[in-house]
Amino acid sequence: MAYRVAVASSDGKVVNQHFGRSRQFLIFEITDSGEWSLVEHRENVPPCGFGDHHEDGMKRSVELLSDCSKVLVSQIGPGAEQALKLKGITAYAITDFIENAFQKLIEYDKKTFRLGV
């Protein structure tokens, strides 16, 4: 079953943005065969700035990604991770090229579902 992954990236090449500071999310669809394609670019108003966190902004950011099952970010705080989890979205902190991150994610999913973890 295909699923959507949101990627916090400033350049479209690398997962390099903190969840709470990301101004954009790239939305990819990953198929059962492990192929991926960019389907959408979503602008975001970052809920974090200079140590401050805005609860309404966090809710908006999470809602913006509500059709995704996973989020790839360079960093994420526990509050944001929990807010995503409550929406059924799993966050992964990884700093890598998007292509490499997807390969790791797909391999992890194969192992996890095969083992029933």
PDB file of N, CA and C in Angstrom:
ATOM      1  N   MET A   1       0.840  -1.177   0.000  1.00  0.00           N
ATOM      2  CA  MET A   1       0.000   0.000   0.000  1.00  0.00           C
ATOM      3  C   MET A   1       0.891   1.248   0.000  1.00  0.00           C
ATOM      4  N   ALA A   2       0.670   2.139  -0.907  1.00  0.00           N
ATOM      5  CA  ALA A   2       1.448   3.372  -1.004  1.00  0.00           C
ATOM      6  C   ALA A   2       1.170   4.264   0.209  1.00  0.00           C
ATOM      7  N   TYR A   3       2.165   5.043   0.567  1.00  0.00           N
ATOM      8  CA  TYR A   3       2.000   5.970   1.690  1.00  0.00           C
ATOM      9  C   TYR A   3       2.738   7.260   1.387  1.00  0.00           C
ATOM     10  N   ARG A   4       2.380   8.296   2.130  1.00  0.00           N
ATOM     11  CA  ARG A   4       2.987   9.615   1.954  1.00  0.00           C
ATOM     12  C   ARG A   4       3.977   9.916   3.071  1.00  0.00           C
ATOM     13  N   VAL A   5       5.057  10.573   2.669  1.00  0.00           N
ATOM     14  CA  VAL A   5       6.105  10.964   3.602  1.00  0.00           C
ATOM     15  C   VAL A   5       6.371  12.455   3.416  1.00  0.00           C
ATOM     16  N   ALA A   6       6.358  13.187   4.515  1.00  0.00           N
ATOM     17  CA  ALA A   6       6.710  14.602   4.487  1.00  0.00           C
ATOM     18  C   ALA A   6       8.190  14.724   4.827  1.00  0.00           C
ATOM     19  N   VAL A   7       8.893  15.573   4.086  1.00  0.00           N
ATOM     20  CA  VAL A   7      10.324  15.760   4.295  1.00  0.00           C
ATOM     21  C   VAL A   7      10.597  17.237   4.578  1.00  0.00           C
ATOM     22  N   ALA A   8      11.280  17.494   5.687  1.00  0.00           N
ATOM     23  CA  ALA A   8      11.673  18.862   6.035  1.00  0.00           C
ATOM     24  C   ALA A   8      13.020  19.139   5.365  1.00  0.00           C
ATOM     25  N   SER A   9      12.964  19.894   4.267  1.00  0.00           N
ATOM     26  CA  SER A   9      14.173  20.162   3.480  1.00  0.00           C
ATOM     27  C   SER A   9      14.142  21.591   2.970  1.00  0.00           C
ATOM     28  N   SER A  10      15.276  22.251   3.059  1.00  0.00           N
ATOM     29  CA  SER A  10      15.362  23.621   2.548  1.00  0.00           C
ATOM     30  C   SER A  10      15.732  23.661   1.073  1.00  0.00           C
ATOM     31  N   ASP A  11      16.298  22.551   0.576  1.00  0.00           N
ATOM     32  CA  ASP A  11      16.802  22.570  -0.797  1.00  0.00           C
ATOM     33  C   ASP A  11      16.256  21.475  -1.706  1.00  0.00           C
ATOM     34  N   GLY A  12      15.412  20.598  -1.173  1.00  0.00           N
ATOM     35  CA  GLY A  12      14.848  19.522  -1.985  1.00  0.00           C
ATOM     36  C   GLY A  12      15.809  18.381  -2.247  1.00  0.00           C
ATOM     37  N   LYS A  13      16.980  18.420  -1.626  1.00  0.00           N
ATOM     38  CA  LYS A  13      17.978  17.369  -1.827  1.00  0.00           C
ATOM     39  C   LYS A  13      18.321  16.621  -0.548  1.00  0.00           C
ATOM     40  N   VAL A  14      18.316  17.364   0.572  1.00  0.00           N
ATOM     41  CA  VAL A  14      18.769  16.822   1.851  1.00  0.00           C
ATOM     42  C   VAL A  14      17.695  17.029   2.912  1.00  0.00           C
ATOM     43  N   VAL A  15      17.533  16.044   3.784  1.00  0.00           N
ATOM     44  CA  VAL A  15      16.700  16.216   4.979  1.00  0.00           C
ATOM     45  C   VAL A  15      17.556  17.057   5.924  1.00  0.00           C
ATOM     46  N   ASN A  16      17.215  18.343   6.071  1.00  0.00           N
ATOM     47  CA  ASN A  16      18.112  19.233   6.811  1.00  0.00           C
ATOM     48  C   ASN A  16      17.394  20.284   7.652  1.00  0.00           C
ATOM     49  N   GLN A  17      16.121  20.089   7.919  1.00  0.00           N
ATOM     50  CA  GLN A  17      15.379  21.077   8.697  1.00  0.00           C
ATOM     51  C   GLN A  17      14.804  20.473   9.972  1.00  0.00           C
ATOM     52  N   HIS A  18      14.864  21.258  11.041  1.00  0.00           N
ATOM     53  CA  HIS A  18      14.215  20.940  12.314  1.00  0.00           C
ATOM     54  C   HIS A  18      12.712  21.048  12.080  1.00  0.00           C
ATOM     55  N   PHE A  19      11.932  20.121  12.630  1.00  0.00           N
ATOM     56  CA  PHE A  19      10.483  20.137  12.402  1.00  0.00           C
ATOM     57  C   PHE A  19       9.872  21.494  12.713  1.00  0.00           C
ATOM     58  N   GLY A  20      10.182  22.031  13.870  1.00  0.00           N
ATOM     59  CA  GLY A  20       9.560  23.269  14.315  1.00  0.00           C
ATOM     60  C   GLY A  20      10.043  24.524  13.620  1.00  0.00           C
ATOM     61  N   ARG A  21      11.096  24.404  12.826  1.00  0.00           N
ATOM     62  CA  ARG A  21      11.627  25.575  12.123  1.00  0.00           C
ATOM     63  C   ARG A  21      11.494  25.469  10.608  1.00  0.00           C
ATOM     64  N   SER A  22      10.939  24.386  10.144  1.00  0.00           N
ATOM     65  CA  SER A  22      10.841  24.167   8.701  1.00  0.00           C
ATOM     66  C   SER A  22       9.791  25.079   8.066  1.00  0.00           C
ATOM     67  N   ARG A  23      10.199  25.787   7.036  1.00  0.00           N
ATOM     68  CA  ARG A  23       9.291  26.680   6.304  1.00  0.00           C
ATOM     69  C   ARG A  23       8.559  25.948   5.179  1.00  0.00           C
ATOM     70  N   GLN A  24       8.990  24.727   4.916  1.00  0.00           N
ATOM     71  CA  GLN A  24       8.333  23.954   3.864  1.00  0.00           C
ATOM     72  C   GLN A  24       8.487  22.465   4.144  1.00  0.00           C
ATOM     73  N   PHE A  25       7.556  21.712   3.622  1.00  0.00           N
ATOM     74  CA  PHE A  25       7.637  20.259   3.637  1.00  0.00           C
ATOM     75  C   PHE A  25       7.402  19.775   2.219  1.00  0.00           C
ATOM     76  N   LEU A  26       8.242  18.860   1.796  1.00  0.00           N
ATOM     77  CA  LEU A  26       8.062  18.222   0.503  1.00  0.00           C
ATOM     78  C   LEU A  26       7.308  16.931   0.760  1.00  0.00           C
ATOM     79  N   ILE A  27       6.253  16.704   0.006  1.00  0.00           N
ATOM     80  CA  ILE A  27       5.424  15.521   0.205  1.00  0.00           C
ATOM     81  C   ILE A  27       5.726  14.527  -0.910  1.00  0.00           C
ATOM     82  N   PHE A  28       6.146  13.340  -0.512  1.00  0.00           N
ATOM     83  CA  PHE A  28       6.469  12.268  -1.455  1.00  0.00           C
ATOM     84  C   PHE A  28       5.501  11.116  -1.255  1.00  0.00           C
ATOM     85  N   GLU A  29       5.275  10.379  -2.319  1.00  0.00           N
ATOM     86  CA  GLU A  29       4.512   9.137  -2.210  1.00  0.00           C
ATOM     87  C   GLU A  29       5.467   7.993  -2.489  1.00  0.00           C
ATOM     88  N   ILE A  30       5.445   7.001  -1.622  1.00  0.00           N
ATOM     89  CA  ILE A  30       6.269   5.807  -1.777  1.00  0.00           C
ATOM     90  C   ILE A  30       5.340   4.636  -2.068  1.00  0.00           C
ATOM     91  N   THR A  31       5.631   3.924  -3.159  1.00  0.00           N
ATOM     92  CA  THR A  31       4.800   2.800  -3.573  1.00  0.00           C
ATOM     93  C   THR A  31       5.250   1.509  -2.900  1.00  0.00           C
ATOM     94  N   ASP A  32       4.439   0.471  -3.059  1.00  0.00           N
ATOM     95  CA  ASP A  32       4.778  -0.846  -2.511  1.00  0.00           C
ATOM     96  C   ASP A  32       6.085  -1.376  -3.076  1.00  0.00           C
ATOM     97  N   SER A  33       6.395  -1.000  -4.300  1.00  0.00           N
ATOM     98  CA  SER A  33       7.626  -1.487  -4.936  1.00  0.00           C
ATOM     99  C   SER A  33       8.850  -0.681  -4.513  1.00  0.00           C
ATOM    100  N   GLY A  34       8.663   0.334  -3.670  1.00  0.00           N
ATOM    101  CA  GLY A  34       9.783   1.117  -3.179  1.00  0.00           C
ATOM    102  C   GLY A  34      10.154   2.303  -4.050  1.00  0.00           C
ATOM    103  N   GLU A  35       9.315   2.639  -4.998  1.00  0.00           N
ATOM    104  CA  GLU A  35       9.563   3.810  -5.833  1.00  0.00           C
ATOM    105  C   GLU A  35       8.917   5.019  -5.166  1.00  0.00           C
ATOM    106  N   TRP A  36       9.528   6.187  -5.334  1.00  0.00           N
ATOM    107  CA  TRP A  36       8.967   7.393  -4.742  1.00  0.00           C
ATOM    108  C   TRP A  36       8.921   8.509  -5.754  1.00  0.00           C
ATOM    109  N   SER A  37       7.979   9.418  -5.502  1.00  0.00           N
ATOM    110  CA  SER A  37       7.857  10.582  -6.374  1.00  0.00           C
ATOM    111  C   SER A  37       7.353  11.760  -5.537  1.00  0.00           C
ATOM    112  N   LEU A  38       7.839  12.942  -5.909  1.00  0.00           N
ATOM    113  CA  LEU A  38       7.394  14.167  -5.265  1.00  0.00           C
ATOM    114  C   LEU A  38       5.998  14.485  -5.772  1.00  0.00           C
ATOM    115  N   VAL A  39       5.059  14.675  -4.854  1.00  0.00           N
ATOM    116  CA  VAL A  39       3.691  14.974  -5.265  1.00  0.00           C
ATOM    117  C   VAL A  39       3.253  16.390  -4.911  1.00  0.00           C
ATOM    118  N   GLU A  40       3.964  16.991  -3.937  1.00  0.00           N
ATOM    119  CA  GLU A  40       3.501  18.310  -3.516  1.00  0.00           C
ATOM    120  C   GLU A  40       4.562  19.022  -2.686  1.00  0.00           C
ATOM    121  N   HIS A  41       4.508  20.329  -2.715  1.00  0.00           N
ATOM    122  CA  HIS A  41       5.353  21.205  -1.909  1.00  0.00           C
ATOM    123  C   HIS A  41       4.402  22.025  -1.040  1.00  0.00           C
ATOM    124  N   ARG A  42       4.564  21.953   0.280  1.00  0.00           N
ATOM    125  CA  ARG A  42       3.669  22.679   1.191  1.00  0.00           C
ATOM    126  C   ARG A  42       4.442  23.711   1.999  1.00  0.00           C
ATOM    127  N   GLU A  43       3.972  24.935   1.933  1.00  0.00           N
ATOM    128  CA  GLU A  43       4.553  26.015   2.730  1.00  0.00           C
ATOM    129  C   GLU A  43       4.073  25.861   4.170  1.00  0.00           C
ATOM    130  N   ASN A  44       4.944  26.183   5.118  1.00  0.00           N
ATOM    131  CA  ASN A  44       4.633  26.062   6.535  1.00  0.00           C
ATOM    132  C   ASN A  44       5.066  27.335   7.262  1.00  0.00           C
ATOM    133  N   VAL A  45       4.287  27.711   8.257  1.00  0.00           N
ATOM    134  CA  VAL A  45       4.688  28.796   9.152  1.00  0.00           C
ATOM    135  C   VAL A  45       5.315  28.114  10.363  1.00  0.00           C
ATOM    136  N   PRO A  46       6.635  28.227  10.533  1.00  0.00           N
ATOM    137  CA  PRO A  46       7.308  27.517  11.617  1.00  0.00           C
ATOM    138  C   PRO A  46       6.757  27.895  12.989  1.00  0.00           C
ATOM    139  N   PRO A  47       6.415  26.899  13.807  1.00  0.00           N
ATOM    140  CA  PRO A  47       5.873  27.189  15.133  1.00  0.00           C
ATOM    141  C   PRO A  47       6.943  27.509  16.171  1.00  0.00           C
ATOM    142  N   CYS A  48       8.216  27.326  15.847  1.00  0.00           N
ATOM    143  CA  CYS A  48       9.299  27.575  16.800  1.00  0.00           C
ATOM    144  C   CYS A  48      10.202  28.684  16.283  1.00  0.00           C
ATOM    145  N   GLY A  49      10.623  29.503  17.198  1.00  0.00           N
ATOM    146  CA  GLY A  49      11.563  30.543  16.832  1.00  0.00           C
ATOM    147  C   GLY A  49      12.262  31.095  18.047  1.00  0.00           C
ATOM    148  N   PHE A  50      13.559  31.083  18.018  1.00  0.00           N
ATOM    149  CA  PHE A  50      14.376  31.653  19.086  1.00  0.00           C
ATOM    150  C   PHE A  50      13.994  31.107  20.462  1.00  0.00           C
ATOM    151  N   GLY A  51      13.736  29.797  20.526  1.00  0.00           N
ATOM    152  CA  GLY A  51      13.433  29.153  21.800  1.00  0.00           C
ATOM    153  C   GLY A  51      11.976  29.187  22.200  1.00  0.00           C
ATOM    154  N   ASP A  52      11.165  29.965  21.494  1.00  0.00           N
ATOM    155  CA  ASP A  52       9.736  30.032  21.797  1.00  0.00           C
ATOM    156  C   ASP A  52       8.983  28.992  20.970  1.00  0.00           C
ATOM    157  N   HIS A  53       7.942  28.436  21.559  1.00  0.00           N
ATOM    158  CA  HIS A  53       7.093  27.480  20.864  1.00  0.00           C
ATOM    159  C   HIS A  53       5.660  27.999  20.913  1.00  0.00           C
ATOM    160  N   HIS A  54       5.000  27.962  19.811  1.00  0.00           N
ATOM    161  CA  HIS A  54       3.624  28.427  19.725  1.00  0.00           C
ATOM    162  C   HIS A  54       2.712  27.223  19.494  1.00  0.00           C
ATOM    163  N   GLU A  55       1.878  26.942  20.474  1.00  0.00           N
ATOM    164  CA  GLU A  55       1.014  25.761  20.441  1.00  0.00           C
ATOM    165  C   GLU A  55       0.099  25.760  19.223  1.00  0.00           C
ATOM    166  N   ASP A  56      -0.508  26.894  18.906  1.00  0.00           N
ATOM    167  CA  ASP A  56      -1.385  26.953  17.737  1.00  0.00           C
ATOM    168  C   ASP A  56      -0.607  26.675  16.457  1.00  0.00           C
ATOM    169  N   GLY A  57       0.603  27.198  16.388  1.00  0.00           N
ATOM    170  CA  GLY A  57       1.448  26.951  15.225  1.00  0.00           C
ATOM    171  C   GLY A  57       1.818  25.486  15.094  1.00  0.00           C
ATOM    172  N   MET A  58       2.076  24.840  16.217  1.00  0.00           N
ATOM    173  CA  MET A  58       2.403  23.405  16.203  1.00  0.00           C
ATOM    174  C   MET A  58       1.220  22.607  15.678  1.00  0.00           C
ATOM    175  N   LYS A  59       0.033  22.951  16.155  1.00  0.00           N
ATOM    176  CA  LYS A  59      -1.168  22.261  15.683  1.00  0.00           C
ATOM    177  C   LYS A  59      -1.351  22.444  14.180  1.00  0.00           C
ATOM    178  N   ARG A  60      -1.104  23.653  13.688  1.00  0.00           N
ATOM    179  CA  ARG A  60      -1.237  23.916  12.236  1.00  0.00           C
ATOM    180  C   ARG A  60      -0.221  23.097  11.440  1.00  0.00           C
ATOM    181  N   SER A  61       1.003  23.028  11.940  1.00  0.00           N
ATOM    182  CA  SER A  61       2.038  22.257  11.240  1.00  0.00           C
ATOM    183  C   SER A  61       1.686  20.777  11.197  1.00  0.00           C
ATOM    184  N   VAL A  62       1.204  20.250  12.300  1.00  0.00           N
ATOM    185  CA  VAL A  62       0.813  18.843  12.348  1.00  0.00           C
ATOM    186  C   VAL A  62      -0.378  18.601  11.410  1.00  0.00           C
ATOM    187  N   GLU A  63      -1.348  19.481  11.440  1.00  0.00           N
ATOM    188  CA  GLU A  63      -2.521  19.339  10.574  1.00  0.00           C
ATOM    189  C   GLU A  63      -2.133  19.416   9.096  1.00  0.00           C
ATOM    190  N   LEU A  64      -1.153  20.243   8.775  1.00  0.00           N
ATOM    191  CA  LEU A  64      -0.667  20.379   7.405  1.00  0.00           C
ATOM    192  C   LEU A  64      -0.193  19.042   6.854  1.00  0.00           C
ATOM    193  N   LEU A  65       0.262  18.155   7.738  1.00  0.00           N
ATOM    194  CA  LEU A  65       0.825  16.873   7.327  1.00  0.00           C
ATOM    195  C   LEU A  65      -0.083  15.694   7.648  1.00  0.00           C
ATOM    196  N   SER A  66      -1.334  15.964   7.927  1.00  0.00           N
ATOM    197  CA  SER A  66      -2.245  14.933   8.424  1.00  0.00           C
ATOM    198  C   SER A  66      -2.495  13.787   7.447  1.00  0.00           C
ATOM    199  N   ASP A  67      -2.213  13.982   6.163  1.00  0.00           N
ATOM    200  CA  ASP A  67      -2.397  12.895   5.195  1.00  0.00           C
ATOM    201  C   ASP A  67      -1.119  12.083   4.993  1.00  0.00           C
ATOM    202  N   CYS A  68      -0.084  12.381   5.771  1.00  0.00           N
ATOM    203  CA  CYS A  68       1.180  11.658   5.692  1.00  0.00           C
ATOM    204  C   CYS A  68       1.258  10.659   6.852  1.00  0.00           C
ATOM    205  N   SER A  69       1.949   9.556   6.634  1.00  0.00           N
ATOM    206  CA  SER A  69       2.114   8.587   7.722  1.00  0.00           C
ATOM    207  C   SER A  69       3.480   8.688   8.379  1.00  0.00           C
ATOM    208  N   LYS A  70       4.420   9.395   7.699  1.00  0.00           N
ATOM    209  CA  LYS A  70       5.764   9.537   8.235  1.00  0.00           C
ATOM    210  C   LYS A  70       6.288  10.939   7.918  1.00  0.00           C
ATOM    211  N   VAL A  71       7.214  11.402   8.776  1.00  0.00           N
ATOM    212  CA  VAL A  71       7.874  12.681   8.570  1.00  0.00           C
ATOM    213  C   VAL A  71       9.367  12.465   8.779  1.00  0.00           C
ATOM    214  N   LEU A  72      10.169  12.960   7.843  1.00  0.00           N
ATOM    215  CA  LEU A  72      11.618  12.911   7.973  1.00  0.00           C
ATOM    216  C   LEU A  72      12.116  14.321   8.263  1.00  0.00           C
ATOM    217  N   VAL A  73      12.864  14.470   9.356  1.00  0.00           N
ATOM    218  CA  VAL A  73      13.376  15.766   9.793  1.00  0.00           C
ATOM    219  C   VAL A  73      14.816  15.595  10.271  1.00  0.00           C
ATOM    220  N   SER A  74      15.538  16.702  10.383  1.00  0.00           N
ATOM    221  CA  SER A  74      16.892  16.606  10.940  1.00  0.00           C
ATOM    222  C   SER A  74      16.830  16.535  12.463  1.00  0.00           C
ATOM    223  N   GLN A  75      15.852  17.219  13.054  1.00  0.00           N
ATOM    224  CA  GLN A  75      15.639  17.200  14.509  1.00  0.00           C
ATOM    225  C   GLN A  75      14.168  17.418  14.793  1.00  0.00           C
ATOM    226  N   ILE A  76      13.761  16.942  15.979  1.00  0.00           N
ATOM    227  CA  ILE A  76      12.382  17.162  16.414  1.00  0.00           C
ATOM    228  C   ILE A  76      12.342  17.077  17.936  1.00  0.00           C
ATOM    229  N   GLY A  77      11.567  17.950  18.530  1.00  0.00           N
ATOM    230  CA  GLY A  77      11.411  17.928  19.979  1.00  0.00           C
ATOM    231  C   GLY A  77      10.360  16.917  20.401  1.00  0.00           C
ATOM    232  N   PRO A  78      10.361  16.545  21.673  1.00  0.00           N
ATOM    233  CA  PRO A  78       9.412  15.535  22.157  1.00  0.00           C
ATOM    234  C   PRO A  78       7.956  15.971  22.042  1.00  0.00           C
ATOM    235  N   GLY A  79       7.667  17.262  22.220  1.00  0.00           N
ATOM    236  CA  GLY A  79       6.284  17.732  22.107  1.00  0.00           C
ATOM    237  C   GLY A  79       5.756  17.599  20.689  1.00  0.00           C
ATOM    238  N   ALA A  80       6.573  17.978  19.722  1.00  0.00           N
ATOM    239  CA  ALA A  80       6.169  17.862  18.315  1.00  0.00           C
ATOM    240  C   ALA A  80       6.034  16.396  17.920  1.00  0.00           C
ATOM    241  N   GLU A  81       6.966  15.579  18.384  1.00  0.00           N
ATOM    242  CA  GLU A  81       6.901  14.152  18.062  1.00  0.00           C
ATOM    243  C   GLU A  81       5.621  13.528  18.619  1.00  0.00           C
ATOM    244  N   GLN A  82       5.248  13.915  19.831  1.00  0.00           N
ATOM    245  CA  GLN A  82       4.025  13.397  20.446  1.00  0.00           C
ATOM    246  C   GLN A  82       2.785  13.898  19.699  1.00  0.00           C
ATOM    247  N   ALA A  83       2.787  15.164  19.307  1.00  0.00           N
ATOM    248  CA  ALA A  83       1.642  15.716  18.565  1.00  0.00           C
ATOM    249  C   ALA A  83       1.458  14.981  17.242  1.00  0.00           C
ATOM    250  N   LEU A  84       2.540  14.672  16.567  1.00  0.00           N
ATOM    251  CA  LEU A  84       2.459  13.907  15.317  1.00  0.00           C
ATOM    252  C   LEU A  84       1.958  12.499  15.585  1.00  0.00           C
ATOM    253  N   LYS A  85       2.488  11.882  16.627  1.00  0.00           N
ATOM    254  CA  LYS A  85       2.096  10.512  16.971  1.00  0.00           C
ATOM    255  C   LYS A  85       0.595  10.407  17.238  1.00  0.00           C
ATOM    256  N   LEU A  86       0.041  11.416  17.898  1.00  0.00           N
ATOM    257  CA  LEU A  86      -1.394  11.417  18.178  1.00  0.00           C
ATOM    258  C   LEU A  86      -2.228  11.467  16.897  1.00  0.00           C
ATOM    259  N   LYS A  87      -1.635  11.969  15.814  1.00  0.00           N
ATOM    260  CA  LYS A  87      -2.304  11.998  14.504  1.00  0.00           C
ATOM    261  C   LYS A  87      -1.964  10.767  13.665  1.00  0.00           C
ATOM    262  N   GLY A  88      -1.197   9.830  14.244  1.00  0.00           N
ATOM    263  CA  GLY A  88      -0.825   8.618  13.518  1.00  0.00           C
ATOM    264  C   GLY A  88       0.361   8.800  12.588  1.00  0.00           C
ATOM    265  N   ILE A  89       1.174   9.822  12.853  1.00  0.00           N
ATOM    266  CA  ILE A  89       2.332  10.122  12.011  1.00  0.00           C
ATOM    267  C   ILE A  89       3.596   9.808  12.805  1.00  0.00           C
ATOM    268  N   THR A  90       4.481   9.019  12.207  1.00  0.00           N
ATOM    269  CA  THR A  90       5.742   8.667  12.843  1.00  0.00           C
ATOM    270  C   THR A  90       6.831   9.596  12.345  1.00  0.00           C
ATOM    271  N   ALA A  91       7.591  10.170  13.281  1.00  0.00           N
ATOM    272  CA  ALA A  91       8.693  11.072  12.930  1.00  0.00           C
ATOM    273  C   ALA A  91      10.013  10.316  13.008  1.00  0.00           C
ATOM    274  N   TYR A  92      10.863  10.577  12.028  1.00  0.00           N
ATOM    275  CA  TYR A  92      12.210  10.009  11.990  1.00  0.00           C
ATOM    276  C   TYR A  92      13.206  11.157  11.874  1.00  0.00           C
ATOM    277  N   ALA A  93      14.164  11.210  12.795  1.00  0.00           N
ATOM    278  CA  ALA A  93      15.214  12.224  12.736  1.00  0.00           C
ATOM    279  C   ALA A  93      16.409  11.622  12.007  1.00  0.00           C
ATOM    280  N   ILE A  94      16.704  12.182  10.840  1.00  0.00           N
ATOM    281  CA  ILE A  94      17.813  11.709  10.026  1.00  0.00           C
ATOM    282  C   ILE A  94      18.307  12.877   9.184  1.00  0.00           C
ATOM    283  N   THR A  95      19.602  13.045   9.137  1.00  0.00           N
ATOM    284  CA  THR A  95      20.181  14.065   8.273  1.00  0.00           C
ATOM    285  C   THR A  95      20.958  13.330   7.187  1.00  0.00           C
ATOM    286  N   ASP A  96      20.405  13.357   5.987  1.00  0.00           N
ATOM    287  CA  ASP A  96      20.989  12.623   4.871  1.00  0.00           C
ATOM    288  C   ASP A  96      20.361  13.142   3.592  1.00  0.00           C
ATOM    289  N   PHE A  97      20.905  12.707   2.454  1.00  0.00           N
ATOM    290  CA  PHE A  97      20.232  12.996   1.195  1.00  0.00           C
ATOM    291  C   PHE A  97      18.870  12.319   1.226  1.00  0.00           C
ATOM    292  N   ILE A  98      17.869  12.958   0.651  1.00  0.00           N
ATOM    293  CA  ILE A  98      16.509  12.412   0.669  1.00  0.00           C
ATOM    294  C   ILE A  98      16.487  11.004   0.100  1.00  0.00           C
ATOM    295  N   GLU A  99      17.176  10.799  -1.008  1.00  0.00           N
ATOM    296  CA  GLU A  99      17.205   9.477  -1.641  1.00  0.00           C
ATOM    297  C   GLU A  99      17.754   8.415  -0.678  1.00  0.00           C
ATOM    298  N   ASN A 100      18.844   8.724   0.009  1.00  0.00           N
ATOM    299  CA  ASN A 100      19.411   7.777   0.975  1.00  0.00           C
ATOM    300  C   ASN A 100      18.465   7.544   2.147  1.00  0.00           C
ATOM    301  N   ALA A 101      17.836   8.609   2.621  1.00  0.00           N
ATOM    302  CA  ALA A 101      16.890   8.488   3.737  1.00  0.00           C
ATOM    303  C   ALA A 101      15.723   7.583   3.358  1.00  0.00           C
ATOM    304  N   PHE A 102      15.219   7.725   2.129  1.00  0.00           N
ATOM    305  CA  PHE A 102      14.116   6.861   1.679  1.00  0.00           C
ATOM    306  C   PHE A 102      14.560   5.407   1.604  1.00  0.00           C
ATOM    307  N   GLN A 103      15.758   5.170   1.108  1.00  0.00           N
ATOM    308  CA  GLN A 103      16.253   3.791   1.031  1.00  0.00           C
ATOM    309  C   GLN A 103      16.330   3.174   2.425  1.00  0.00           C
ATOM    310  N   LYS A 104      16.809   3.941   3.398  1.00  0.00           N
ATOM    311  CA  LYS A 104      16.886   3.457   4.779  1.00  0.00           C
ATOM    312  C   LYS A 104      15.489   3.229   5.357  1.00  0.00           C
ATOM    313  N   LEU A 105      14.575   4.143   5.085  1.00  0.00           N
ATOM    314  CA  LEU A 105      13.205   4.025   5.579  1.00  0.00           C
ATOM    315  C   LEU A 105      12.521   2.788   5.006  1.00  0.00           C
ATOM    316  N   ILE A 106      12.659   2.579   3.725  1.00  0.00           N
ATOM    317  CA  ILE A 106      12.032   1.423   3.065  1.00  0.00           C
ATOM    318  C   ILE A 106      12.610   0.122   3.614  1.00  0.00           C
ATOM    319  N   GLU A 107      13.923   0.074   3.780  1.00  0.00           N
ATOM    320  CA  GLU A 107      14.564  -1.122   4.336  1.00  0.00           C
ATOM    321  C   GLU A 107      14.101  -1.363   5.775  1.00  0.00           C
ATOM    322  N   TYR A 108      14.004  -0.322   6.564  1.00  0.00           N
ATOM    323  CA  TYR A 108      13.519  -0.437   7.941  1.00  0.00           C
ATOM    324  C   TYR A 108      12.083  -0.967   7.953  1.00  0.00           C
ATOM    325  N   ASP A 109      11.232  -0.411   7.095  1.00  0.00           N
ATOM    326  CA  ASP A 109       9.838  -0.859   7.034  1.00  0.00           C
ATOM    327  C   ASP A 109       9.750  -2.327   6.639  1.00  0.00           C
ATOM    328  N   LYS A 110      10.575  -2.754   5.695  1.00  0.00           N
ATOM    329  CA  LYS A 110      10.562  -4.164   5.267  1.00  0.00           C
ATOM    330  C   LYS A 110      10.913  -5.068   6.434  1.00  0.00           C
ATOM    331  N   LYS A 111      11.949  -4.715   7.187  1.00  0.00           N
ATOM    332  CA  LYS A 111      12.363  -5.516   8.335  1.00  0.00           C
ATOM    333  C   LYS A 111      11.312  -5.518   9.422  1.00  0.00           C
ATOM    334  N   THR A 112      10.748  -4.342   9.703  1.00  0.00           N
ATOM    335  CA  THR A 112       9.769  -4.201  10.767  1.00  0.00           C
ATOM    336  C   THR A 112       8.511  -5.018  10.467  1.00  0.00           C
ATOM    337  N   PHE A 113       7.996  -4.887   9.251  1.00  0.00           N
ATOM    338  CA  PHE A 113       6.754  -5.593   8.924  1.00  0.00           C
ATOM    339  C   PHE A 113       6.982  -7.080   8.745  1.00  0.00           C
ATOM    340  N   ARG A 114       8.158  -7.456   8.280  1.00  0.00           N
ATOM    341  CA  ARG A 114       8.472  -8.877   8.106  1.00  0.00           C
ATOM    342  C   ARG A 114       8.595  -9.552   9.464  1.00  0.00           C
ATOM    343  N   LEU A 115       9.170  -8.839  10.436  1.00  0.00           N
ATOM    344  CA  LEU A 115       9.344  -9.395  11.759  1.00  0.00           C
ATOM    345  C   LEU A 115       8.115  -9.207  12.657  1.00  0.00           C
ATOM    346  N   GLY A 116       7.185  -8.367  12.212  1.00  0.00           N
ATOM    347  CA  GLY A 116       5.985  -8.131  13.000  1.00  0.00           C
ATOM    348  C   GLY A 116       6.231  -7.274  14.230  1.00  0.00           C
ATOM    349  N   VAL A 117       7.251  -6.437  14.162  1.00  0.00           N
ATOM    350  CA  VAL A 117       7.598  -5.571  15.301  1.00  0.00           C
ATOM    351  C   VAL A 117       6.595  -4.447  15.404  1.00  0.00           C
TER     352      VAL A 117
END
